[in-house]
Amino acid sequence: MREQEITVTQKGQVTIPAEVRRALGLKARDKVIFELSEEKGVVKLRPAPSKVARWFGAVSPKEQPEDFPKVREEFEKAVAQEVTGETR
Protein backbone atom coordinates (compact mmCIF):
# COMPACT_ATOMS: atom_id res chain seq x y z
CA MET A 1 0.00 0.00 0.00
CA ARG A 2 1.22 3.44 -0.77
CA GLU A 3 1.41 6.28 1.75
CA GLN A 4 -1.01 9.16 1.63
CA GLU A 5 -0.64 12.47 3.40
CA ILE A 6 -3.90 13.67 4.95
CA THR A 7 -4.55 17.05 6.60
CA VAL A 8 -5.93 17.20 10.14
CA THR A 9 -8.74 19.77 10.47
CA GLN A 10 -8.99 22.31 13.29
CA LYS A 11 -11.42 19.92 14.98
CA GLY A 12 -8.83 17.11 14.82
CA GLN A 13 -10.69 15.26 12.08
CA VAL A 14 -9.23 13.40 9.13
CA THR A 15 -10.78 11.74 6.10
CA ILE A 16 -9.92 8.07 5.84
CA PRO A 17 -8.82 7.49 2.25
CA ALA A 18 -11.16 5.40 0.08
CA GLU A 19 -8.49 2.74 -0.45
CA VAL A 20 -8.16 2.26 3.33
CA ARG A 21 -11.95 2.24 3.83
CA ARG A 22 -12.30 -0.45 1.16
CA ALA A 23 -9.46 -2.51 2.64
CA LEU A 24 -11.07 -2.38 6.09
CA GLY A 25 -14.64 -2.79 4.81
CA LEU A 26 -15.71 0.51 6.39
CA LYS A 27 -19.00 2.17 5.49
CA ALA A 28 -20.56 5.47 6.54
CA ARG A 29 -21.33 5.59 10.29
CA ASP A 30 -19.08 2.60 11.09
CA LYS A 31 -16.91 2.99 14.15
CA VAL A 32 -13.14 2.55 14.22
CA ILE A 33 -10.55 2.03 16.91
CA PHE A 34 -7.26 3.91 17.05
CA GLU A 35 -4.63 1.95 18.92
CA LEU A 36 -1.38 3.59 19.98
CA SER A 37 1.51 1.25 19.31
CA GLU A 38 4.46 0.78 21.64
CA GLU A 39 6.57 1.98 18.72
CA LYS A 40 6.80 5.78 18.90
CA GLY A 41 4.75 7.59 16.27
CA VAL A 42 2.79 4.50 15.15
CA VAL A 43 -0.99 4.21 15.40
CA LYS A 44 -3.09 1.27 14.25
CA LEU A 45 -6.57 1.80 12.83
CA ARG A 46 -9.09 -1.04 12.80
CA PRO A 47 -12.85 -1.45 12.52
CA ALA A 48 -14.62 -1.51 15.89
CA PRO A 49 -16.54 -4.73 16.43
CA SER A 50 -20.31 -4.50 16.45
CA LYS A 51 -21.64 -4.24 20.01
CA VAL A 52 -24.38 -6.67 19.06
CA ALA A 53 -21.87 -9.19 17.72
CA ARG A 54 -19.54 -8.62 20.66
CA TRP A 55 -22.24 -9.43 23.24
CA PHE A 56 -24.09 -12.10 21.24
CA GLY A 57 -24.32 -15.26 23.34
CA ALA A 58 -23.07 -13.58 26.51
CA VAL A 59 -26.30 -14.40 28.34
CA SER A 60 -27.81 -17.85 28.27
CA PRO A 61 -31.58 -17.96 27.68
CA LYS A 62 -33.73 -18.95 30.66
CA GLU A 63 -35.81 -21.22 28.43
CA GLN A 64 -35.22 -23.09 25.21
CA PRO A 65 -36.14 -21.16 22.07
CA GLU A 66 -39.77 -21.49 21.12
CA ASP A 67 -40.94 -23.85 18.42
CA PHE A 68 -41.57 -21.11 15.85
CA PRO A 69 -43.35 -23.31 13.29
CA LYS A 70 -45.78 -24.39 16.04
CA VAL A 71 -46.26 -20.79 17.24
CA ARG A 72 -46.96 -19.69 13.65
CA GLU A 73 -49.46 -22.52 13.13
CA GLU A 74 -51.32 -21.58 16.34
CA PHE A 75 -51.34 -17.92 15.29
CA GLU A 76 -52.71 -18.74 11.84
CA LYS A 77 -55.45 -20.93 13.36
CA ALA A 78 -56.43 -18.13 15.76
CA VAL A 79 -56.57 -15.59 12.93
CA ALA A 80 -58.68 -17.95 10.81
CA GLN A 81 -61.08 -18.50 13.70
CA GLU A 82 -61.34 -14.75 14.32
CA VAL A 83 -62.03 -14.06 10.65
CA THR A 84 -64.67 -16.77 10.36
CA GLY A 85 -66.21 -15.92 13.72
CA GLU A 86 -65.64 -19.43 15.03
CA THR A 87 -64.51 -20.02 18.60
CA ARG A 88 -62.79 -23.02 20.07
PDB file of N, CA and C in Angstrom:
ATOM      1  N   MET A   1       0.841  -1.186   0.000  1.00  0.00           N
ATOM      2  CA  MET A   1       0.000   0.000   0.000  1.00  0.00           C
ATOM      3  C   MET A   1       0.880   1.241   0.000  1.00  0.00           C
ATOM      4  N   ARG A   2       0.436   2.206  -0.706  1.00  0.00           N
ATOM      5  CA  ARG A   2       1.220   3.436  -0.766  1.00  0.00           C
ATOM      6  C   ARG A   2       0.824   4.379   0.363  1.00  0.00           C
ATOM      7  N   GLU A   3       1.694   5.283   0.710  1.00  0.00           N
ATOM      8  CA  GLU A   3       1.414   6.275   1.750  1.00  0.00           C
ATOM      9  C   GLU A   3       0.596   7.415   1.177  1.00  0.00           C
ATOM     10  N   GLN A   4      -0.245   7.983   2.017  1.00  0.00           N
ATOM     11  CA  GLN A   4      -1.006   9.165   1.630  1.00  0.00           C
ATOM     12  C   GLN A   4      -0.910  10.170   2.758  1.00  0.00           C
ATOM     13  N   GLU A   5      -0.685  11.409   2.404  1.00  0.00           N
ATOM     14  CA  GLU A   5      -0.639  12.469   3.402  1.00  0.00           C
ATOM     15  C   GLU A   5      -2.019  13.103   3.496  1.00  0.00           C
ATOM     16  N   ILE A   6      -2.561  13.146   4.705  1.00  0.00           N
ATOM     17  CA  ILE A   6      -3.897  13.669   4.946  1.00  0.00           C
ATOM     18  C   ILE A   6      -3.786  14.821   5.937  1.00  0.00           C
ATOM     19  N   THR A   7      -4.563  15.882   5.727  1.00  0.00           N
ATOM     20  CA  THR A   7      -4.546  17.050   6.605  1.00  0.00           C
ATOM     21  C   THR A   7      -5.523  16.864   7.761  1.00  0.00           C
ATOM     22  N   VAL A   8      -5.073  17.225   8.954  1.00  0.00           N
ATOM     23  CA  VAL A   8      -5.934  17.199  10.136  1.00  0.00           C
ATOM     24  C   VAL A   8      -6.638  18.549  10.211  1.00  0.00           C
ATOM     25  N   THR A   9      -7.977  18.526  10.380  1.00  0.00           N
ATOM     26  CA  THR A   9      -8.740  19.775  10.469  1.00  0.00           C
ATOM     27  C   THR A   9      -8.549  20.417  11.842  1.00  0.00           C
ATOM     28  N   GLN A  10      -9.080  21.620  11.995  1.00  0.00           N
ATOM     29  CA  GLN A  10      -8.992  22.306  13.289  1.00  0.00           C
ATOM     30  C   GLN A  10      -9.707  21.522  14.386  1.00  0.00           C
ATOM     31  N   LYS A  11     -10.694  20.740  14.016  1.00  0.00           N
ATOM     32  CA  LYS A  11     -11.421  19.916  14.983  1.00  0.00           C
ATOM     33  C   LYS A  11     -10.720  18.587  15.260  1.00  0.00           C
ATOM     34  N   GLY A  12      -9.566  18.353  14.627  1.00  0.00           N
ATOM     35  CA  GLY A  12      -8.835  17.107  14.824  1.00  0.00           C
ATOM     36  C   GLY A  12      -9.353  15.968  13.972  1.00  0.00           C
ATOM     37  N   GLN A  13     -10.117  16.295  12.943  1.00  0.00           N
ATOM     38  CA  GLN A  13     -10.694  15.258  12.085  1.00  0.00           C
ATOM     39  C   GLN A  13      -9.827  15.009  10.859  1.00  0.00           C
ATOM     40  N   VAL A  14      -9.895  13.767  10.372  1.00  0.00           N
ATOM     41  CA  VAL A  14      -9.233  13.403   9.127  1.00  0.00           C
ATOM     42  C   VAL A  14     -10.206  12.600   8.285  1.00  0.00           C
ATOM     43  N   THR A  15     -10.002  12.581   6.991  1.00  0.00           N
ATOM     44  CA  THR A  15     -10.785  11.738   6.103  1.00  0.00           C
ATOM     45  C   THR A  15      -9.982  10.480   5.844  1.00  0.00           C
ATOM     46  N   ILE A  16     -10.611   9.334   6.102  1.00  0.00           N
ATOM     47  CA  ILE A  16      -9.925   8.067   5.838  1.00  0.00           C
ATOM     48  C   ILE A  16      -9.979   7.836   4.333  1.00  0.00           C
ATOM     49  N   PRO A  17      -8.839   7.674   3.700  1.00  0.00           N
ATOM     50  CA  PRO A  17      -8.818   7.492   2.252  1.00  0.00           C
ATOM     51  C   PRO A  17      -9.676   6.303   1.798  1.00  0.00           C
ATOM     52  N   ALA A  18     -10.275   6.431   0.626  1.00  0.00           N
ATOM     53  CA  ALA A  18     -11.163   5.397   0.083  1.00  0.00           C
ATOM     54  C   ALA A  18     -10.481   4.039   0.025  1.00  0.00           C
ATOM     55  N   GLU A  19      -9.219   4.003  -0.356  1.00  0.00           N
ATOM     56  CA  GLU A  19      -8.486   2.740  -0.450  1.00  0.00           C
ATOM     57  C   GLU A  19      -8.421   2.041   0.918  1.00  0.00           C
ATOM     58  N   VAL A  20      -8.225   2.820   1.969  1.00  0.00           N
ATOM     59  CA  VAL A  20      -8.161   2.263   3.326  1.00  0.00           C
ATOM     60  C   VAL A  20      -9.549   1.811   3.762  1.00  0.00           C
ATOM     61  N   ARG A  21     -10.574   2.632   3.473  1.00  0.00           N
ATOM     62  CA  ARG A  21     -11.951   2.243   3.826  1.00  0.00           C
ATOM     63  C   ARG A  21     -12.329   0.931   3.158  1.00  0.00           C
ATOM     64  N   ARG A  22     -11.991   0.799   1.881  1.00  0.00           N
ATOM     65  CA  ARG A  22     -12.298  -0.450   1.160  1.00  0.00           C
ATOM     66  C   ARG A  22     -11.552  -1.625   1.780  1.00  0.00           C
ATOM     67  N   ALA A  23     -10.281  -1.428   2.078  1.00  0.00           N
ATOM     68  CA  ALA A  23      -9.463  -2.512   2.638  1.00  0.00           C
ATOM     69  C   ALA A  23      -9.991  -2.973   3.994  1.00  0.00           C
ATOM     70  N   LEU A  24     -10.550  -2.044   4.772  1.00  0.00           N
ATOM     71  CA  LEU A  24     -11.075  -2.384   6.093  1.00  0.00           C
ATOM     72  C   LEU A  24     -12.568  -2.701   6.076  1.00  0.00           C
ATOM     73  N   GLY A  25     -13.201  -2.529   4.911  1.00  0.00           N
ATOM     74  CA  GLY A  25     -14.635  -2.791   4.810  1.00  0.00           C
ATOM     75  C   GLY A  25     -15.477  -1.771   5.546  1.00  0.00           C
ATOM     76  N   LEU A  26     -14.992  -0.538   5.657  1.00  0.00           N
ATOM     77  CA  LEU A  26     -15.706   0.510   6.388  1.00  0.00           C
ATOM     78  C   LEU A  26     -16.766   1.164   5.516  1.00  0.00           C
ATOM     79  N   LYS A  27     -17.914   1.448   6.150  1.00  0.00           N
ATOM     80  CA  LYS A  27     -18.998   2.167   5.490  1.00  0.00           C
ATOM     81  C   LYS A  27     -19.325   3.387   6.338  1.00  0.00           C
ATOM     82  N   ALA A  28     -20.148   4.276   5.804  1.00  0.00           N
ATOM     83  CA  ALA A  28     -20.564   5.465   6.542  1.00  0.00           C
ATOM     84  C   ALA A  28     -21.160   5.049   7.884  1.00  0.00           C
ATOM     85  N   ARG A  29     -20.835   5.766   8.916  1.00  0.00           N
ATOM     86  CA  ARG A  29     -21.332   5.588  10.288  1.00  0.00           C
ATOM     87  C   ARG A  29     -20.715   4.395  11.020  1.00  0.00           C
ATOM     88  N   ASP A  30     -19.802   3.650  10.375  1.00  0.00           N
ATOM     89  CA  ASP A  30     -19.081   2.597  11.087  1.00  0.00           C
ATOM     90  C   ASP A  30     -18.176   3.251  12.119  1.00  0.00           C
ATOM     91  N   LYS A  31     -17.820   2.506  13.123  1.00  0.00           N
ATOM     92  CA  LYS A  31     -16.913   2.994  14.152  1.00  0.00           C
ATOM     93  C   LYS A  31     -15.548   2.339  13.950  1.00  0.00           C
ATOM     94  N   VAL A  32     -14.504   3.074  14.326  1.00  0.00           N
ATOM     95  CA  VAL A  32     -13.141   2.553  14.216  1.00  0.00           C
ATOM     96  C   VAL A  32     -12.443   2.697  15.564  1.00  0.00           C
ATOM     97  N   ILE A  33     -11.376   1.964  15.711  1.00  0.00           N
ATOM     98  CA  ILE A  33     -10.554   2.026  16.914  1.00  0.00           C
ATOM     99  C   ILE A  33      -9.156   2.479  16.506  1.00  0.00           C
ATOM    100  N   PHE A  34      -8.647   3.480  17.209  1.00  0.00           N
ATOM    101  CA  PHE A  34      -7.265   3.914  17.053  1.00  0.00           C
ATOM    102  C   PHE A  34      -6.490   3.301  18.206  1.00  0.00           C
ATOM    103  N   GLU A  35      -5.430   2.602  17.896  1.00  0.00           N
ATOM    104  CA  GLU A  35      -4.628   1.949  18.922  1.00  0.00           C
ATOM    105  C   GLU A  35      -3.201   2.474  18.846  1.00  0.00           C
ATOM    106  N   LEU A  36      -2.749   3.098  19.939  1.00  0.00           N
ATOM    107  CA  LEU A  36      -1.376   3.593  19.978  1.00  0.00           C
ATOM    108  C   LEU A  36      -0.436   2.413  20.147  1.00  0.00           C
ATOM    109  N   SER A  37       0.548   2.337  19.270  1.00  0.00           N
ATOM    110  CA  SER A  37       1.513   1.246  19.311  1.00  0.00           C
ATOM    111  C   SER A  37       2.618   1.590  20.298  1.00  0.00           C
ATOM    112  N   GLU A  38       3.312   0.560  20.756  1.00  0.00           N
ATOM    113  CA  GLU A  38       4.463   0.784  21.641  1.00  0.00           C
ATOM    114  C   GLU A  38       5.563   1.522  20.877  1.00  0.00           C
ATOM    115  N   GLU A  39       5.582   1.316  19.571  1.00  0.00           N
ATOM    116  CA  GLU A  39       6.568   1.978  18.721  1.00  0.00           C
ATOM    117  C   GLU A  39       6.182   3.450  18.596  1.00  0.00           C
ATOM    118  N   LYS A  40       7.083   4.346  18.901  1.00  0.00           N
ATOM    119  CA  LYS A  40       6.799   5.780  18.903  1.00  0.00           C
ATOM    120  C   LYS A  40       6.338   6.252  17.517  1.00  0.00           C
ATOM    121  N   GLY A  41       5.240   7.001  17.506  1.00  0.00           N
ATOM    122  CA  GLY A  41       4.746   7.589  16.269  1.00  0.00           C
ATOM    123  C   GLY A  41       3.917   6.645  15.408  1.00  0.00           C
ATOM    124  N   VAL A  42       3.557   5.463  15.942  1.00  0.00           N
ATOM    125  CA  VAL A  42       2.788   4.503  15.154  1.00  0.00           C
ATOM    126  C   VAL A  42       1.404   4.313  15.796  1.00  0.00           C
ATOM    127  N   VAL A  43       0.396   4.418  14.954  1.00  0.00           N
ATOM    128  CA  VAL A  43      -0.991   4.212  15.400  1.00  0.00           C
ATOM    129  C   VAL A  43      -1.621   3.193  14.471  1.00  0.00           C
ATOM    130  N   LYS A  44      -2.369   2.257  15.051  1.00  0.00           N
ATOM    131  CA  LYS A  44      -3.093   1.267  14.250  1.00  0.00           C
ATOM    132  C   LYS A  44      -4.554   1.681  14.193  1.00  0.00           C
ATOM    133  N   LEU A  45      -5.158   1.503  13.043  1.00  0.00           N
ATOM    134  CA  LEU A  45      -6.568   1.800  12.830  1.00  0.00           C
ATOM    135  C   LEU A  45      -7.253   0.505  12.443  1.00  0.00           C
ATOM    136  N   ARG A  46      -8.354   0.175  13.138  1.00  0.00           N
ATOM    137  CA  ARG A  46      -9.087  -1.037  12.796  1.00  0.00           C
ATOM    138  C   ARG A  46     -10.573  -0.812  13.014  1.00  0.00           C
ATOM    139  N   PRO A  47     -11.408  -1.578  12.313  1.00  0.00           N
ATOM    140  CA  PRO A  47     -12.854  -1.445  12.515  1.00  0.00           C
ATOM    141  C   PRO A  47     -13.216  -1.859  13.946  1.00  0.00           C
ATOM    142  N   ALA A  48     -14.128  -1.122  14.563  1.00  0.00           N
ATOM    143  CA  ALA A  48     -14.624  -1.505  15.890  1.00  0.00           C
ATOM    144  C   ALA A  48     -15.626  -2.632  15.707  1.00  0.00           C
ATOM    145  N   PRO A  49     -15.568  -3.644  16.557  1.00  0.00           N
ATOM    146  CA  PRO A  49     -16.537  -4.733  16.431  1.00  0.00           C
ATOM    147  C   PRO A  49     -17.930  -4.236  16.783  1.00  0.00           C
ATOM    148  N   SER A  50     -18.921  -4.829  16.162  1.00  0.00           N
ATOM    149  CA  SER A  50     -20.313  -4.505  16.453  1.00  0.00           C
ATOM    150  C   SER A  50     -20.605  -4.849  17.902  1.00  0.00           C
ATOM    151  N   LYS A  51     -21.289  -3.947  18.614  1.00  0.00           N
ATOM    152  CA  LYS A  51     -21.639  -4.236  20.007  1.00  0.00           C
ATOM    153  C   LYS A  51     -22.590  -5.421  20.076  1.00  0.00           C
ATOM    154  N   VAL A  52     -23.458  -5.537  19.090  1.00  0.00           N
ATOM    155  CA  VAL A  52     -24.383  -6.667  19.061  1.00  0.00           C
ATOM    156  C   VAL A  52     -23.588  -7.959  18.900  1.00  0.00           C
ATOM    157  N   ALA A  53     -22.671  -7.978  17.945  1.00  0.00           N
ATOM    158  CA  ALA A  53     -21.870  -9.189  17.717  1.00  0.00           C
ATOM    159  C   ALA A  53     -20.973  -9.487  18.916  1.00  0.00           C
ATOM    160  N   ARG A  54     -20.450  -8.429  19.526  1.00  0.00           N
ATOM    161  CA  ARG A  54     -19.542  -8.621  20.657  1.00  0.00           C
ATOM    162  C   ARG A  54     -20.256  -9.272  21.842  1.00  0.00           C
ATOM    163  N   TRP A  55     -21.523  -8.911  22.088  1.00  0.00           N
ATOM    164  CA  TRP A  55     -22.241  -9.426  23.243  1.00  0.00           C
ATOM    165  C   TRP A  55     -23.138 -10.612  22.913  1.00  0.00           C
ATOM    166  N   PHE A  56     -23.225 -10.980  21.628  1.00  0.00           N
ATOM    167  CA  PHE A  56     -24.091 -12.098  21.243  1.00  0.00           C
ATOM    168  C   PHE A  56     -23.664 -13.364  21.978  1.00  0.00           C
ATOM    169  N   GLY A  57     -24.610 -14.015  22.631  1.00  0.00           N
ATOM    170  CA  GLY A  57     -24.323 -15.257  23.336  1.00  0.00           C
ATOM    171  C   GLY A  57     -23.766 -15.072  24.726  1.00  0.00           C
ATOM    172  N   ALA A  58     -23.634 -13.825  25.186  1.00  0.00           N
ATOM    173  CA  ALA A  58     -23.066 -13.579  26.506  1.00  0.00           C
ATOM    174  C   ALA A  58     -24.010 -14.007  27.622  1.00  0.00           C
ATOM    175  N   VAL A  59     -25.303 -14.015  27.340  1.00  0.00           N
ATOM    176  CA  VAL A  59     -26.296 -14.397  28.341  1.00  0.00           C
ATOM    177  C   VAL A  59     -27.041 -15.626  27.835  1.00  0.00           C
ATOM    178  N   SER A  60     -27.087 -16.642  28.652  1.00  0.00           N
ATOM    179  CA  SER A  60     -27.807 -17.855  28.273  1.00  0.00           C
ATOM    180  C   SER A  60     -29.307 -17.629  28.456  1.00  0.00           C
ATOM    181  N   PRO A  61     -30.124 -18.119  27.530  1.00  0.00           N
ATOM    182  CA  PRO A  61     -31.575 -17.958  27.683  1.00  0.00           C
ATOM    183  C   PRO A  61     -32.085 -18.768  28.874  1.00  0.00           C
ATOM    184  N   LYS A  62     -33.133 -18.239  29.528  1.00  0.00           N
ATOM    185  CA  LYS A  62     -33.729 -18.946  30.660  1.00  0.00           C
ATOM    186  C   LYS A  62     -34.466 -20.193  30.182  1.00  0.00           C
ATOM    187  N   GLU A  63     -35.055 -20.103  28.994  1.00  0.00           N
ATOM    188  CA  GLU A  63     -35.809 -21.217  28.432  1.00  0.00           C
ATOM    189  C   GLU A  63     -35.275 -21.527  27.044  1.00  0.00           C
ATOM    190  N   GLN A  64     -35.605 -22.716  26.576  1.00  0.00           N
ATOM    191  CA  GLN A  64     -35.216 -23.086  25.214  1.00  0.00           C
ATOM    192  C   GLN A  64     -35.979 -22.204  24.231  1.00  0.00           C
ATOM    193  N   PRO A  65     -35.413 -21.940  23.076  1.00  0.00           N
ATOM    194  CA  PRO A  65     -36.141 -21.159  22.072  1.00  0.00           C
ATOM    195  C   PRO A  65     -37.474 -21.818  21.747  1.00  0.00           C
ATOM    196  N   GLU A  66     -38.441 -20.970  21.439  1.00  0.00           N
ATOM    197  CA  GLU A  66     -39.773 -21.494  21.119  1.00  0.00           C
ATOM    198  C   GLU A  66     -39.754 -22.255  19.800  1.00  0.00           C
ATOM    199  N   ASP A  67     -40.736 -23.107  19.659  1.00  0.00           N
ATOM    200  CA  ASP A  67     -40.935 -23.849  18.420  1.00  0.00           C
ATOM    201  C   ASP A  67     -41.690 -22.914  17.475  1.00  0.00           C
ATOM    202  N   PHE A  68     -40.960 -22.144  16.685  1.00  0.00           N
ATOM    203  CA  PHE A  68     -41.574 -21.113  15.854  1.00  0.00           C
ATOM    204  C   PHE A  68     -42.570 -21.651  14.824  1.00  0.00           C
ATOM    205  N   PRO A  69     -42.316 -22.788  14.190  1.00  0.00           N
ATOM    206  CA  PRO A  69     -43.348 -23.314  13.288  1.00  0.00           C
ATOM    207  C   PRO A  69     -44.662 -23.586  14.027  1.00  0.00           C
ATOM    208  N   LYS A  70     -44.574 -24.119  15.256  1.00  0.00           N
ATOM    209  CA  LYS A  70     -45.777 -24.390  16.041  1.00  0.00           C
ATOM    210  C   LYS A  70     -46.468 -23.085  16.435  1.00  0.00           C
ATOM    211  N   VAL A  71     -45.696 -22.095  16.867  1.00  0.00           N
ATOM    212  CA  VAL A  71     -46.258 -20.793  17.240  1.00  0.00           C
ATOM    213  C   VAL A  71     -46.966 -20.175  16.038  1.00  0.00           C
ATOM    214  N   ARG A  72     -46.346 -20.252  14.860  1.00  0.00           N
ATOM    215  CA  ARG A  72     -46.965 -19.688  13.654  1.00  0.00           C
ATOM    216  C   ARG A  72     -48.274 -20.412  13.321  1.00  0.00           C
ATOM    217  N   GLU A  73     -48.255 -21.737  13.425  1.00  0.00           N
ATOM    218  CA  GLU A  73     -49.465 -22.518  13.131  1.00  0.00           C
ATOM    219  C   GLU A  73     -50.604 -22.117  14.073  1.00  0.00           C
ATOM    220  N   GLU A  74     -50.301 -21.987  15.373  1.00  0.00           N
ATOM    221  CA  GLU A  74     -51.322 -21.578  16.341  1.00  0.00           C
ATOM    222  C   GLU A  74     -51.847 -20.183  16.026  1.00  0.00           C
ATOM    223  N   PHE A  75     -50.945 -19.286  15.644  1.00  0.00           N
ATOM    224  CA  PHE A  75     -51.337 -17.923  15.293  1.00  0.00           C
ATOM    225  C   PHE A  75     -52.269 -17.929  14.081  1.00  0.00           C
ATOM    226  N   GLU A  76     -51.897 -18.681  13.054  1.00  0.00           N
ATOM    227  CA  GLU A  76     -52.714 -18.743  11.836  1.00  0.00           C
ATOM    228  C   GLU A  76     -54.097 -19.327  12.124  1.00  0.00           C
ATOM    229  N   LYS A  77     -54.160 -20.357  12.984  1.00  0.00           N
ATOM    230  CA  LYS A  77     -55.451 -20.931  13.356  1.00  0.00           C
ATOM    231  C   LYS A  77     -56.312 -19.896  14.084  1.00  0.00           C
ATOM    232  N   ALA A  78     -55.695 -19.154  15.001  1.00  0.00           N
ATOM    233  CA  ALA A  78     -56.429 -18.135  15.762  1.00  0.00           C
ATOM    234  C   ALA A  78     -56.948 -17.035  14.848  1.00  0.00           C
ATOM    235  N   VAL A  79     -56.139 -16.612  13.884  1.00  0.00           N
ATOM    236  CA  VAL A  79     -56.572 -15.587  12.935  1.00  0.00           C
ATOM    237  C   VAL A  79     -57.720 -16.115  12.088  1.00  0.00           C
ATOM    238  N   ALA A  80     -57.620 -17.351  11.625  1.00  0.00           N
ATOM    239  CA  ALA A  80     -58.683 -17.951  10.807  1.00  0.00           C
ATOM    240  C   ALA A  80     -59.982 -18.032  11.599  1.00  0.00           C
ATOM    241  N   GLN A  81     -59.882 -18.412  12.865  1.00  0.00           N
ATOM    242  CA  GLN A  81     -61.077 -18.499  13.702  1.00  0.00           C
ATOM    243  C   GLN A  81     -61.685 -17.107  13.927  1.00  0.00           C
ATOM    244  N   GLU A  82     -60.853 -16.124  14.106  1.00  0.00           N
ATOM    245  CA  GLU A  82     -61.339 -14.753  14.319  1.00  0.00           C
ATOM    246  C   GLU A  82     -62.040 -14.249  13.073  1.00  0.00           C
ATOM    247  N   VAL A  83     -61.455 -14.528  11.910  1.00  0.00           N
ATOM    248  CA  VAL A  83     -62.028 -14.065  10.648  1.00  0.00           C
ATOM    249  C   VAL A  83     -63.358 -14.758  10.376  1.00  0.00           C
ATOM    250  N   THR A  84     -63.441 -16.030  10.635  1.00  0.00           N
ATOM    251  CA  THR A  84     -64.671 -16.775  10.356  1.00  0.00           C
ATOM    252  C   THR A  84     -65.697 -16.657  11.473  1.00  0.00           C
ATOM    253  N   GLY A  85     -65.277 -16.084  12.603  1.00  0.00           N
ATOM    254  CA  GLY A  85     -66.206 -15.924  13.724  1.00  0.00           C
ATOM    255  C   GLY A  85     -66.367 -17.170  14.542  1.00  0.00           C
ATOM    256  N   GLU A  86     -65.570 -18.183  14.273  1.00  0.00           N
ATOM    257  CA  GLU A  86     -65.643 -19.427  15.033  1.00  0.00           C
ATOM    258  C   GLU A  86     -64.845 -19.281  16.324  1.00  0.00           C
ATOM    259  N   THR A  87     -65.277 -19.975  17.341  1.00  0.00           N
ATOM    260  CA  THR A  87     -64.512 -20.022  18.598  1.00  0.00           C
ATOM    261  C   THR A  87     -64.177 -21.460  18.885  1.00  0.00           C
ATOM    262  N   ARG A  88     -63.252 -21.660  19.715  1.00  0.00           N
ATOM    263  CA  ARG A  88     -62.793 -23.021  20.065  1.00  0.00           C
ATOM    264  C   ARG A  88     -63.770 -23.722  20.910  1.00  0.00           C
TER     265      ARG A  88
END
